[in-house]
Amino acid sequence: MKKYYSKHNKKRKNKKSGGKSFFGFAAVSVLLIAGIIALIIFLTKKSQAKSAPKNTNSVIMVSSLLSKGSNSNSNSNLNGNNSYGYNTGNTVSSTNAAAVKNNNYPLTVVNKNNPLNAGYVPSLGNITAQYTNPLGLQFDSRAISYLNNMLSAAHQKNINLMVISAYCPYSKQLELYNDEVKNQQKSNPNFSKTKAEEEAAKIVEKPTTSEMQLGLSVYFNEKSTSFEKTDEFKWLKENAQNYGFVLRYSSNKTTITGKEYMPYCWRFVGTENAKKMNEKNLSLEEFVNS
């Protein structure tokens, strides 16, 4: 019996010992796993903490570069000008008109490739009444004195220089263009709307593509090539540059300007620019890109 109990107790001790080992191993395993998880979380947070400043610096660097780029552009463009147009006080600026050549507003080029905003309106002044039609016409206020002085000087020499067309707002240009489209469709019933618009654009410029909306161009006396045979045209050729004006669409520059010869259309570019353009025989397009 003693041997039996001794043997039985030994088995019970072994059983008890085995249970303790199992639970002890399990506890150690749980602690180990928890430790590993805690370590992973710690390392992850540490990694994120290290990477955060780098990302912040990157953002700051990119922001700084963008800021420098923006400042660089604004500093190189005087009076709020940019490479696509210019802004003056309460006017709506152009986003596409090319104002290059030292960002000088008199050299803004407007055509089908460099349209103005529909809402662009320059600051305007009135052309001296006696030198225009009874309804009155307007011109860019920054250059109006040059135009009025030129008209006065011409009349003092008995040169009957008269302005028949000047600043034309977008709404009027749109009206003129739409009327011409209708005329094309009426005269050519087989024309599609696209074809009618293409033909109309050869006669009346599409809205936003006309320099007349810019307010720096004028038509004198008669809208005809025969104007080149008049004393008024001869006087302009000899004197207009002294008042900052040049012949806008010359007969030998049609492929460059994209416009037919218009001896009656004269454009203000500033006195120094006008003299340089005439001296070098350059169109406005050529001058701004020279």
C-alpha atoms as a PDB file:
ATOM      1  CA  MET A   1       0.000   0.000   0.000  1.00  0.00           C
ATOM      2  CA  LYS A   2       2.801   2.352   0.814  1.00  0.00           C
ATOM      3  CA  LYS A   3       4.325   1.683  -2.571  1.00  0.00           C
ATOM      4  CA  TYR A   4       0.944   2.239  -4.256  1.00  0.00           C
ATOM      5  CA  TYR A   5       0.381   5.624  -2.587  1.00  0.00           C
ATOM      6  CA  SER A   6       3.954   6.604  -3.205  1.00  0.00           C
ATOM      7  CA  LYS A   7       3.581   5.737  -6.873  1.00  0.00           C
ATOM      8  CA  HIS A   8       0.154   7.426  -7.097  1.00  0.00           C
ATOM      9  CA  ASN A   9       1.406  10.608  -5.443  1.00  0.00           C
ATOM     10  CA  LYS A  10       4.302  10.708  -7.834  1.00  0.00           C
ATOM     11  CA  LYS A  11       1.916  10.537 -10.772  1.00  0.00           C
ATOM     12  CA  ARG A  12      -0.216  13.319  -9.239  1.00  0.00           C
ATOM     13  CA  LYS A  13       2.873  15.454  -8.734  1.00  0.00           C
ATOM     14  CA  ASN A  14       3.899  14.811 -12.309  1.00  0.00           C
ATOM     15  CA  LYS A  15       0.396  15.753 -13.519  1.00  0.00           C
ATOM     16  CA  LYS A  16       0.406  18.876 -11.407  1.00  0.00           C
ATOM     17  CA  SER A  17       3.886  19.731 -12.566  1.00  0.00           C
ATOM     18  CA  GLY A  18       2.862  19.209 -16.212  1.00  0.00           C
ATOM     19  CA  GLY A  19      -0.114  21.554 -15.795  1.00  0.00           C
ATOM     20  CA  LYS A  20       2.055  24.238 -14.276  1.00  0.00           C
ATOM     21  CA  SER A  21       4.516  23.915 -17.171  1.00  0.00           C
ATOM     22  CA  PHE A  22       1.738  24.271 -19.736  1.00  0.00           C
ATOM     23  CA  PHE A  23       0.204  27.326 -18.137  1.00  0.00           C
ATOM     24  CA  GLY A  24       3.606  28.826 -17.546  1.00  0.00           C
ATOM     25  CA  PHE A  25       4.541  28.379 -21.196  1.00  0.00           C
ATOM     26  CA  ALA A  26       1.271  29.899 -22.306  1.00  0.00           C
ATOM     27  CA  ALA A  27       1.769  32.902 -20.068  1.00  0.00           C
ATOM     28  CA  VAL A  28       5.292  33.412 -21.334  1.00  0.00           C
ATOM     29  CA  SER A  29       4.051  33.127 -24.924  1.00  0.00           C
ATOM     30  CA  VAL A  30       1.339  35.711 -24.337  1.00  0.00           C
ATOM     31  CA  LEU A  31       3.805  38.082 -22.739  1.00  0.00           C
ATOM     32  CA  LEU A  32       6.261  37.516 -25.554  1.00  0.00           C
ATOM     33  CA  ILE A  33       3.638  38.210 -28.232  1.00  0.00           C
ATOM     34  CA  ALA A  34       2.438  41.275 -26.362  1.00  0.00           C
ATOM     35  CA  GLY A  35       6.025  42.469 -26.136  1.00  0.00           C
ATOM     36  CA  ILE A  36       6.568  41.968 -29.850  1.00  0.00           C
ATOM     37  CA  ILE A  37       3.355  43.851 -30.646  1.00  0.00           C
ATOM     38  CA  ALA A  38       4.358  46.681 -28.325  1.00  0.00           C
ATOM     39  CA  LEU A  39       7.803  46.804 -29.932  1.00  0.00           C
ATOM     40  CA  ILE A  40       6.271  46.965 -33.420  1.00  0.00           C
ATOM     41  CA  ILE A  41       3.936  49.776 -32.343  1.00  0.00           C
ATOM     42  CA  PHE A  42       6.823  51.669 -30.749  1.00  0.00           C
ATOM     43  CA  LEU A  43       9.052  51.296 -33.810  1.00  0.00           C
ATOM     44  CA  THR A  44       6.202  52.316 -36.133  1.00  0.00           C
ATOM     45  CA  LYS A  45       5.484  55.466 -34.138  1.00  0.00           C
ATOM     46  CA  LYS A  46       9.175  56.282 -33.987  1.00  0.00           C
ATOM     47  CA  SER A  47       9.481  55.802 -37.734  1.00  0.00           C
ATOM     48  CA  GLN A  48       6.498  58.048 -38.337  1.00  0.00           C
ATOM     49  CA  ALA A  49       7.886  60.663 -35.994  1.00  0.00           C
ATOM     50  CA  LYS A  50      11.171  60.671 -37.894  1.00  0.00           C
ATOM     51  CA  SER A  51       9.543  60.815 -41.291  1.00  0.00           C
ATOM     52  CA  ALA A  52       7.096  63.597 -40.392  1.00  0.00           C
ATOM     53  CA  PRO A  53       9.659  66.425 -40.303  1.00  0.00           C
ATOM     54  CA  LYS A  54      11.073  65.279 -43.633  1.00  0.00           C
ATOM     55  CA  ASN A  55       7.652  65.455 -45.263  1.00  0.00           C
ATOM     56  CA  THR A  56       7.040  68.851 -43.702  1.00  0.00           C
ATOM     57  CA  ASN A  57      10.350  70.099 -45.004  1.00  0.00           C
ATOM     58  CA  SER A  58       9.506  68.780 -48.444  1.00  0.00           C
ATOM     59  CA  VAL A  59       6.217  70.626 -48.442  1.00  0.00           C
ATOM     60  CA  ILE A  60       7.912  73.790 -47.242  1.00  0.00           C
ATOM     61  CA  MET A  61      10.576  73.443 -49.915  1.00  0.00           C
ATOM     62  CA  VAL A  62       8.041  72.948 -52.712  1.00  0.00           C
ATOM     63  CA  SER A  63       5.948  75.796 -51.354  1.00  0.00           C
ATOM     64  CA  SER A  64       9.034  77.986 -51.223  1.00  0.00           C
ATOM     65  CA  LEU A  65       9.952  77.170 -54.802  1.00  0.00           C
ATOM     66  CA  LEU A  66       6.452  77.881 -55.994  1.00  0.00           C
ATOM     67  CA  SER A  67       6.477  81.110 -54.047  1.00  0.00           C
ATOM     68  CA  LYS A  68       9.793  82.118 -55.574  1.00  0.00           C
ATOM     69  CA  GLY A  69       8.507  81.308 -59.002  1.00  0.00           C
ATOM     70  CA  SER A  70       5.419  83.395 -58.401  1.00  0.00           C
ATOM     71  CA  ASN A  71       7.442  86.292 -57.018  1.00  0.00           C
ATOM     72  CA  SER A  72       9.849  86.052 -59.897  1.00  0.00           C
ATOM     73  CA  ASN A  73       7.040  86.379 -62.412  1.00  0.00           C
ATOM     74  CA  SER A  74       5.363  89.231 -60.604  1.00  0.00           C
ATOM     75  CA  ASN A  75       8.622  91.132 -60.206  1.00  0.00           C
ATOM     76  CA  SER A  76       9.468  90.803 -63.870  1.00  0.00           C
ATOM     77  CA  ASN A  77       6.055  92.082 -64.937  1.00  0.00           C
ATOM     78  CA  LEU A  78       5.561  95.741 -64.251  1.00  0.00           C
ATOM     79  CA  ASN A  79       2.305  97.346 -63.139  1.00  0.00           C
ATOM     80  CA  GLY A  80       0.506  94.041 -62.713  1.00  0.00           C
ATOM     81  CA  ASN A  81       1.329  92.949 -66.249  1.00  0.00           C
ATOM     82  CA  ASN A  82       1.945  89.334 -67.143  1.00  0.00           C
ATOM     83  CA  SER A  83       3.011  87.486 -70.246  1.00  0.00           C
ATOM     84  CA  TYR A  84      -0.607  87.119 -71.332  1.00  0.00           C
ATOM     85  CA  GLY A  85      -1.969  90.602 -70.931  1.00  0.00           C
ATOM     86  CA  TYR A  86      -2.185  93.582 -68.643  1.00  0.00           C
ATOM     87  CA  ASN A  87      -4.314  94.854 -65.838  1.00  0.00           C
ATOM     88  CA  THR A  88      -5.225  98.471 -65.212  1.00  0.00           C
ATOM     89  CA  GLY A  89      -7.117  99.613 -62.171  1.00  0.00           C
ATOM     90  CA  ASN A  90     -10.788  98.742 -62.426  1.00  0.00           C
ATOM     91  CA  THR A  91     -10.555  97.021 -65.797  1.00  0.00           C
ATOM     92  CA  VAL A  92     -10.902  93.310 -66.433  1.00  0.00           C
ATOM     93  CA  SER A  93      -7.517  92.022 -67.478  1.00  0.00           C
ATOM     94  CA  SER A  94      -6.774  89.831 -70.456  1.00  0.00           C
ATOM     95  CA  THR A  95      -5.659  86.291 -69.827  1.00  0.00           C
ATOM     96  CA  ASN A  96      -4.484  85.518 -73.318  1.00  0.00           C
ATOM     97  CA  ALA A  97      -3.459  88.715 -75.092  1.00  0.00           C
ATOM     98  CA  ALA A  98       0.307  88.669 -75.493  1.00  0.00           C
ATOM     99  CA  ALA A  99       1.853  91.691 -73.757  1.00  0.00           C
ATOM    100  CA  VAL A 100       5.526  91.123 -74.252  1.00  0.00           C
ATOM    101  CA  LYS A 101       8.454  93.435 -74.974  1.00  0.00           C
ATOM    102  CA  ASN A 102       9.112  94.646 -71.423  1.00  0.00           C
ATOM    103  CA  ASN A 103       5.448  94.120 -70.551  1.00  0.00           C
ATOM    104  CA  ASN A 104       4.664  97.457 -72.172  1.00  0.00           C
ATOM    105  CA  TYR A 105       0.888  97.832 -72.650  1.00  0.00           C
ATOM    106  CA  PRO A 106       1.108  99.672 -76.031  1.00  0.00           C
ATOM    107  CA  LEU A 107       2.724  96.555 -77.504  1.00  0.00           C
ATOM    108  CA  THR A 108      -0.060  94.135 -76.630  1.00  0.00           C
ATOM    109  CA  VAL A 109      -0.826  91.904 -79.604  1.00  0.00           C
ATOM    110  CA  VAL A 110      -4.404  90.799 -80.133  1.00  0.00           C
ATOM    111  CA  ASN A 111      -5.394  88.342 -82.859  1.00  0.00           C
ATOM    112  CA  LYS A 112      -6.953  84.905 -83.281  1.00  0.00           C
ATOM    113  CA  ASN A 113      -3.969  83.341 -81.512  1.00  0.00           C
ATOM    114  CA  ASN A 114      -3.946  85.917 -78.693  1.00  0.00           C
ATOM    115  CA  PRO A 115      -7.569  86.704 -77.836  1.00  0.00           C
ATOM    116  CA  LEU A 116      -8.730  89.030 -75.091  1.00  0.00           C
ATOM    117  CA  ASN A 117     -11.203  88.159 -72.360  1.00  0.00           C
ATOM    118  CA  ALA A 118     -14.784  88.855 -73.342  1.00  0.00           C
ATOM    119  CA  GLY A 119     -15.000  91.151 -70.325  1.00  0.00           C
ATOM    120  CA  TYR A 120     -11.870  93.152 -71.076  1.00  0.00           C
ATOM    121  CA  VAL A 121     -12.565  96.896 -71.020  1.00  0.00           C
ATOM    122  CA  PRO A 122      -9.699  99.413 -71.032  1.00  0.00           C
ATOM    123  CA  SER A 123      -9.813 102.708 -69.217  1.00  0.00           C
ATOM    124  CA  LEU A 124     -11.307 104.978 -71.865  1.00  0.00           C
ATOM    125  CA  GLY A 125     -11.126 108.615 -72.914  1.00  0.00           C
ATOM    126  CA  ASN A 126     -13.064 110.583 -75.539  1.00  0.00           C
ATOM    127  CA  ILE A 127     -11.555 111.451 -78.902  1.00  0.00           C
ATOM    128  CA  THR A 128     -11.848 115.176 -79.643  1.00  0.00           C
ATOM    129  CA  ALA A 129     -15.383 115.560 -81.019  1.00  0.00           C
ATOM    130  CA  GLN A 130     -14.514 117.641 -84.081  1.00  0.00           C
ATOM    131  CA  TYR A 131     -12.246 114.874 -85.384  1.00  0.00           C
ATOM    132  CA  THR A 132     -14.715 112.013 -85.231  1.00  0.00           C
ATOM    133  CA  ASN A 133     -18.324 111.121 -85.978  1.00  0.00           C
ATOM    134  CA  PRO A 134     -21.258 112.892 -84.276  1.00  0.00           C
ATOM    135  CA  LEU A 135     -21.858 109.976 -81.909  1.00  0.00           C
ATOM    136  CA  GLY A 136     -18.347 110.238 -80.499  1.00  0.00           C
ATOM    137  CA  LEU A 137     -15.671 107.561 -80.229  1.00  0.00           C
ATOM    138  CA  GLN A 138     -13.359 106.428 -77.445  1.00  0.00           C
ATOM    139  CA  PHE A 139      -9.735 105.380 -77.080  1.00  0.00           C
ATOM    140  CA  ASP A 140      -7.489 104.006 -74.309  1.00  0.00           C
ATOM    141  CA  SER A 141      -7.196 106.861 -71.800  1.00  0.00           C
ATOM    142  CA  ARG A 142      -3.452 106.288 -71.351  1.00  0.00           C
ATOM    143  CA  ALA A 143      -2.861 107.140 -75.000  1.00  0.00           C
ATOM    144  CA  ILE A 144      -5.780 109.440 -75.812  1.00  0.00           C
ATOM    145  CA  SER A 145      -3.670 112.607 -75.568  1.00  0.00           C
ATOM    146  CA  TYR A 146      -1.288 111.312 -78.260  1.00  0.00           C
ATOM    147  CA  LEU A 147      -4.189 110.662 -80.627  1.00  0.00           C
ATOM    148  CA  ASN A 148      -5.893 113.996 -79.985  1.00  0.00           C
ATOM    149  CA  ASN A 149      -2.598 115.881 -80.402  1.00  0.00           C
ATOM    150  CA  MET A 150      -1.921 114.103 -83.692  1.00  0.00           C
ATOM    151  CA  LEU A 151      -5.389 114.934 -85.007  1.00  0.00           C
ATOM    152  CA  SER A 152      -4.965 118.568 -83.988  1.00  0.00           C
ATOM    153  CA  ALA A 153      -1.524 118.802 -85.611  1.00  0.00           C
ATOM    154  CA  ALA A 154      -2.849 117.322 -88.846  1.00  0.00           C
ATOM    155  CA  HIS A 155      -5.734 119.795 -89.050  1.00  0.00           C
ATOM    156  CA  GLN A 156      -3.363 122.684 -88.413  1.00  0.00           C
ATOM    157  CA  LYS A 157      -1.662 121.609 -91.651  1.00  0.00           C
ATOM    158  CA  ASN A 158      -5.046 121.447 -93.415  1.00  0.00           C
ATOM    159  CA  ILE A 159      -4.976 117.645 -93.360  1.00  0.00           C
ATOM    160  CA  ASN A 160      -8.546 116.463 -92.847  1.00  0.00           C
ATOM    161  CA  LEU A 161      -7.738 113.452 -90.667  1.00  0.00           C
ATOM    162  CA  MET A 162     -10.922 111.958 -89.191  1.00  0.00           C
ATOM    163  CA  VAL A 163     -11.457 108.919 -86.972  1.00  0.00           C
ATOM    164  CA  ILE A 164     -14.280 106.737 -88.301  1.00  0.00           C
ATOM    165  CA  SER A 165     -13.783 103.760 -85.939  1.00  0.00           C
ATOM    166  CA  ALA A 166     -12.044 103.265 -82.588  1.00  0.00           C
ATOM    167  CA  TYR A 167     -12.705 101.268 -79.423  1.00  0.00           C
ATOM    168  CA  CYS A 168     -15.275  98.544 -80.002  1.00  0.00           C
ATOM    169  CA  PRO A 169     -16.626  96.637 -76.969  1.00  0.00           C
ATOM    170  CA  TYR A 170     -17.033  92.878 -77.021  1.00  0.00           C
ATOM    171  CA  SER A 171     -20.836  93.119 -77.213  1.00  0.00           C
ATOM    172  CA  LYS A 172     -20.699  95.245 -80.378  1.00  0.00           C
ATOM    173  CA  GLN A 173     -18.067  93.033 -81.978  1.00  0.00           C
ATOM    174  CA  LEU A 174     -20.228  89.993 -81.227  1.00  0.00           C
ATOM    175  CA  GLU A 175     -23.222  91.690 -82.825  1.00  0.00           C
ATOM    176  CA  LEU A 176     -21.264  92.582 -85.957  1.00  0.00           C
ATOM    177  CA  TYR A 177     -19.847  89.084 -86.256  1.00  0.00           C
ATOM    178  CA  ASN A 178     -23.199  87.348 -85.764  1.00  0.00           C
ATOM    179  CA  ASP A 179     -24.785  89.625 -88.375  1.00  0.00           C
ATOM    180  CA  GLU A 180     -22.083  88.664 -90.861  1.00  0.00           C
ATOM    181  CA  VAL A 181     -22.591  84.955 -90.114  1.00  0.00           C
ATOM    182  CA  LYS A 182     -26.286  85.408 -90.904  1.00  0.00           C
ATOM    183  CA  ASN A 183     -25.403  87.232 -94.131  1.00  0.00           C
ATOM    184  CA  GLN A 184     -23.149  84.361 -95.141  1.00  0.00           C
ATOM    185  CA  GLN A 185     -25.871  81.791 -94.440  1.00  0.00           C
ATOM    186  CA  LYS A 186     -28.427  83.859 -96.348  1.00  0.00           C
ATOM    187  CA  SER A 187     -26.151  84.375 -99.345  1.00  0.00           C
ATOM    188  CA  ASN A 188     -24.947  80.766 -99.309  1.00  0.00           C
ATOM    189  CA  PRO A 189     -27.810  78.452 -98.257  1.00  0.00           C
ATOM    190  CA  ASN A 190     -25.571  75.413 -98.642  1.00  0.00           C
ATOM    191  CA  PHE A 191     -23.115  76.683 -96.037  1.00  0.00           C
ATOM    192  CA  SER A 192     -22.971  74.828 -92.746  1.00  0.00           C
ATOM    193  CA  LYS A 193     -22.857  76.994 -89.643  1.00  0.00           C
ATOM    194  CA  THR A 194     -19.127  76.265 -89.302  1.00  0.00           C
ATOM    195  CA  LYS A 195     -18.458  77.283 -92.903  1.00  0.00           C
ATOM    196  CA  ALA A 196     -20.529  80.438 -92.499  1.00  0.00           C
ATOM    197  CA  GLU A 197     -18.543  81.340 -89.369  1.00  0.00           C
ATOM    198  CA  GLU A 198     -15.243  80.756 -91.161  1.00  0.00           C
ATOM    199  CA  GLU A 199     -16.239  83.024 -94.037  1.00  0.00           C
ATOM    200  CA  ALA A 200     -17.646  85.649 -91.691  1.00  0.00           C
ATOM    201  CA  ALA A 201     -14.348  85.764 -89.781  1.00  0.00           C
ATOM    202  CA  LYS A 202     -12.594  86.830 -93.005  1.00  0.00           C
ATOM    203  CA  ILE A 203     -14.738  89.959 -93.082  1.00  0.00           C
ATOM    204  CA  VAL A 204     -15.493  90.674 -89.430  1.00  0.00           C
ATOM    205  CA  GLU A 205     -13.107  89.566 -86.695  1.00  0.00           C
ATOM    206  CA  LYS A 206     -14.443  87.141 -84.140  1.00  0.00           C
ATOM    207  CA  PRO A 207     -15.198  88.679 -80.743  1.00  0.00           C
ATOM    208  CA  THR A 208     -12.107  88.876 -78.455  1.00  0.00           C
ATOM    209  CA  THR A 209      -9.727  88.666 -81.445  1.00  0.00           C
ATOM    210  CA  SER A 210     -10.058  92.300 -82.553  1.00  0.00           C
ATOM    211  CA  GLU A 211      -7.593  95.005 -81.544  1.00  0.00           C
ATOM    212  CA  MET A 212     -10.483  97.420 -81.625  1.00  0.00           C
ATOM    213  CA  GLN A 213     -11.578  95.926 -78.290  1.00  0.00           C
ATOM    214  CA  LEU A 214      -8.101  96.716 -76.980  1.00  0.00           C
ATOM    215  CA  GLY A 215      -8.769 100.426 -77.524  1.00  0.00           C
ATOM    216  CA  LEU A 216      -5.404 101.268 -79.128  1.00  0.00           C
ATOM    217  CA  SER A 217      -6.299 101.147 -82.826  1.00  0.00           C
ATOM    218  CA  VAL A 218      -8.250 103.537 -85.042  1.00  0.00           C
ATOM    219  CA  TYR A 219      -9.570 103.643 -88.609  1.00  0.00           C
ATOM    220  CA  PHE A 220      -9.111 106.919 -90.465  1.00  0.00           C
ATOM    221  CA  ASN A 221     -11.365 108.559 -93.077  1.00  0.00           C
ATOM    222  CA  GLU A 222     -12.413 105.579 -95.232  1.00  0.00           C
ATOM    223  CA  LYS A 223     -12.287 101.831 -94.885  1.00  0.00           C
ATOM    224  CA  SER A 224     -10.668 101.228 -98.239  1.00  0.00           C
ATOM    225  CA  THR A 225      -7.237 100.602 -99.739  1.00  0.00           C
ATOM    226  CA  SER A 226      -7.753 103.761-101.761  1.00  0.00           C
ATOM    227  CA  PHE A 227      -6.975 105.695 -98.570  1.00  0.00           C
ATOM    228  CA  GLU A 228      -3.278 105.221 -99.371  1.00  0.00           C
ATOM    229  CA  LYS A 229      -3.665 107.694-102.238  1.00  0.00           C
ATOM    230  CA  THR A 230      -4.841 110.525-100.004  1.00  0.00           C
ATOM    231  CA  ASP A 231      -2.960 113.434 -98.460  1.00  0.00           C
ATOM    232  CA  GLU A 232      -4.066 112.156 -95.041  1.00  0.00           C
ATOM    233  CA  PHE A 233      -2.275 108.848 -95.578  1.00  0.00           C
ATOM    234  CA  LYS A 234       0.863 110.612 -96.818  1.00  0.00           C
ATOM    235  CA  TRP A 235       0.860 112.856 -93.740  1.00  0.00           C
ATOM    236  CA  LEU A 236       0.471 109.854 -91.431  1.00  0.00           C
ATOM    237  CA  LYS A 237       3.377 108.055 -93.056  1.00  0.00           C
ATOM    238  CA  GLU A 238       5.588 111.083 -92.419  1.00  0.00           C
ATOM    239  CA  ASN A 239       4.356 112.151 -88.984  1.00  0.00           C
ATOM    240  CA  ALA A 240       2.402 109.443 -87.130  1.00  0.00           C
ATOM    241  CA  GLN A 241       5.486 107.950 -85.450  1.00  0.00           C
ATOM    242  CA  ASN A 242       6.076 111.266 -83.665  1.00  0.00           C
ATOM    243  CA  TYR A 243       2.805 110.649 -81.841  1.00  0.00           C
ATOM    244  CA  GLY A 244       3.423 106.949 -81.220  1.00  0.00           C
ATOM    245  CA  PHE A 245       1.369 105.521 -84.111  1.00  0.00           C
ATOM    246  CA  VAL A 246       2.289 103.007 -86.806  1.00  0.00           C
ATOM    247  CA  LEU A 247       0.503 101.496 -89.783  1.00  0.00           C
ATOM    248  CA  ARG A 248      -0.836  98.297 -88.245  1.00  0.00           C
ATOM    249  CA  TYR A 249      -1.344  96.072 -91.290  1.00  0.00           C
ATOM    250  CA  SER A 250       1.161  96.793 -94.060  1.00  0.00           C
ATOM    251  CA  SER A 251       0.902  95.393 -97.569  1.00  0.00           C
ATOM    252  CA  ASN A 252       4.232  93.553 -97.222  1.00  0.00           C
ATOM    253  CA  LYS A 253       3.443  91.965 -93.842  1.00  0.00           C
ATOM    254  CA  THR A 254       0.175  90.152 -94.551  1.00  0.00           C
ATOM    255  CA  THR A 255       1.641  86.664 -94.021  1.00  0.00           C
ATOM    256  CA  ILE A 256       2.998  87.748 -90.640  1.00  0.00           C
ATOM    257  CA  THR A 257       0.000  89.692 -89.344  1.00  0.00           C
ATOM    258  CA  GLY A 258      -2.548  87.354 -90.906  1.00  0.00           C
ATOM    259  CA  LYS A 259      -4.487  90.414 -92.067  1.00  0.00           C
ATOM    260  CA  GLU A 260      -5.017  92.032 -95.445  1.00  0.00           C
ATOM    261  CA  TYR A 261      -3.518  95.418 -96.233  1.00  0.00           C
ATOM    262  CA  MET A 262      -5.377  98.110 -94.268  1.00  0.00           C
ATOM    263  CA  PRO A 263      -3.859 101.570 -94.920  1.00  0.00           C
ATOM    264  CA  TYR A 264      -6.608 103.185 -92.838  1.00  0.00           C
ATOM    265  CA  CYS A 265      -5.808 101.199 -89.650  1.00  0.00           C
ATOM    266  CA  TRP A 266      -3.248 102.797 -87.346  1.00  0.00           C
ATOM    267  CA  ARG A 267      -2.101 101.557 -83.964  1.00  0.00           C
ATOM    268  CA  PHE A 268      -0.629 103.317 -80.935  1.00  0.00           C
ATOM    269  CA  VAL A 269       2.622 101.663 -79.746  1.00  0.00           C
ATOM    270  CA  GLY A 270       4.441 104.606 -78.112  1.00  0.00           C
ATOM    271  CA  THR A 271       6.787 107.098 -79.744  1.00  0.00           C
ATOM    272  CA  GLU A 272      10.076 105.256 -79.181  1.00  0.00           C
ATOM    273  CA  ASN A 273       8.622 101.949 -80.310  1.00  0.00           C
ATOM    274  CA  ALA A 274       7.032 103.514 -83.380  1.00  0.00           C
ATOM    275  CA  LYS A 275      10.318 105.020 -84.524  1.00  0.00           C
ATOM    276  CA  LYS A 276      12.184 101.747 -83.992  1.00  0.00           C
ATOM    277  CA  MET A 277       9.536  99.746 -85.826  1.00  0.00           C
ATOM    278  CA  ASN A 278       9.621 102.070 -88.823  1.00  0.00           C
ATOM    279  CA  GLU A 279      13.420 102.235 -88.831  1.00  0.00           C
ATOM    280  CA  LYS A 280      13.672  98.443 -88.920  1.00  0.00           C
ATOM    281  CA  ASN A 281      10.550  97.964 -91.072  1.00  0.00           C
ATOM    282  CA  LEU A 282       8.971  95.607 -88.533  1.00  0.00           C
ATOM    283  CA  SER A 283       5.351  94.705 -87.934  1.00  0.00           C
ATOM    284  CA  LEU A 284       4.112  94.680 -84.331  1.00  0.00           C
ATOM    285  CA  GLU A 285       4.327  90.865 -84.282  1.00  0.00           C
ATOM    286  CA  GLU A 286       7.944  90.977 -85.431  1.00  0.00           C
ATOM    287  CA  PHE A 287       8.879  93.784 -83.068  1.00  0.00           C
ATOM    288  CA  VAL A 288       7.587  92.152 -79.904  1.00  0.00           C
ATOM    289  CA  ASN A 289       9.466  88.970 -80.766  1.00  0.00           C
ATOM    290  CA  SER A 290      12.722  90.661 -81.782  1.00  0.00           C
END
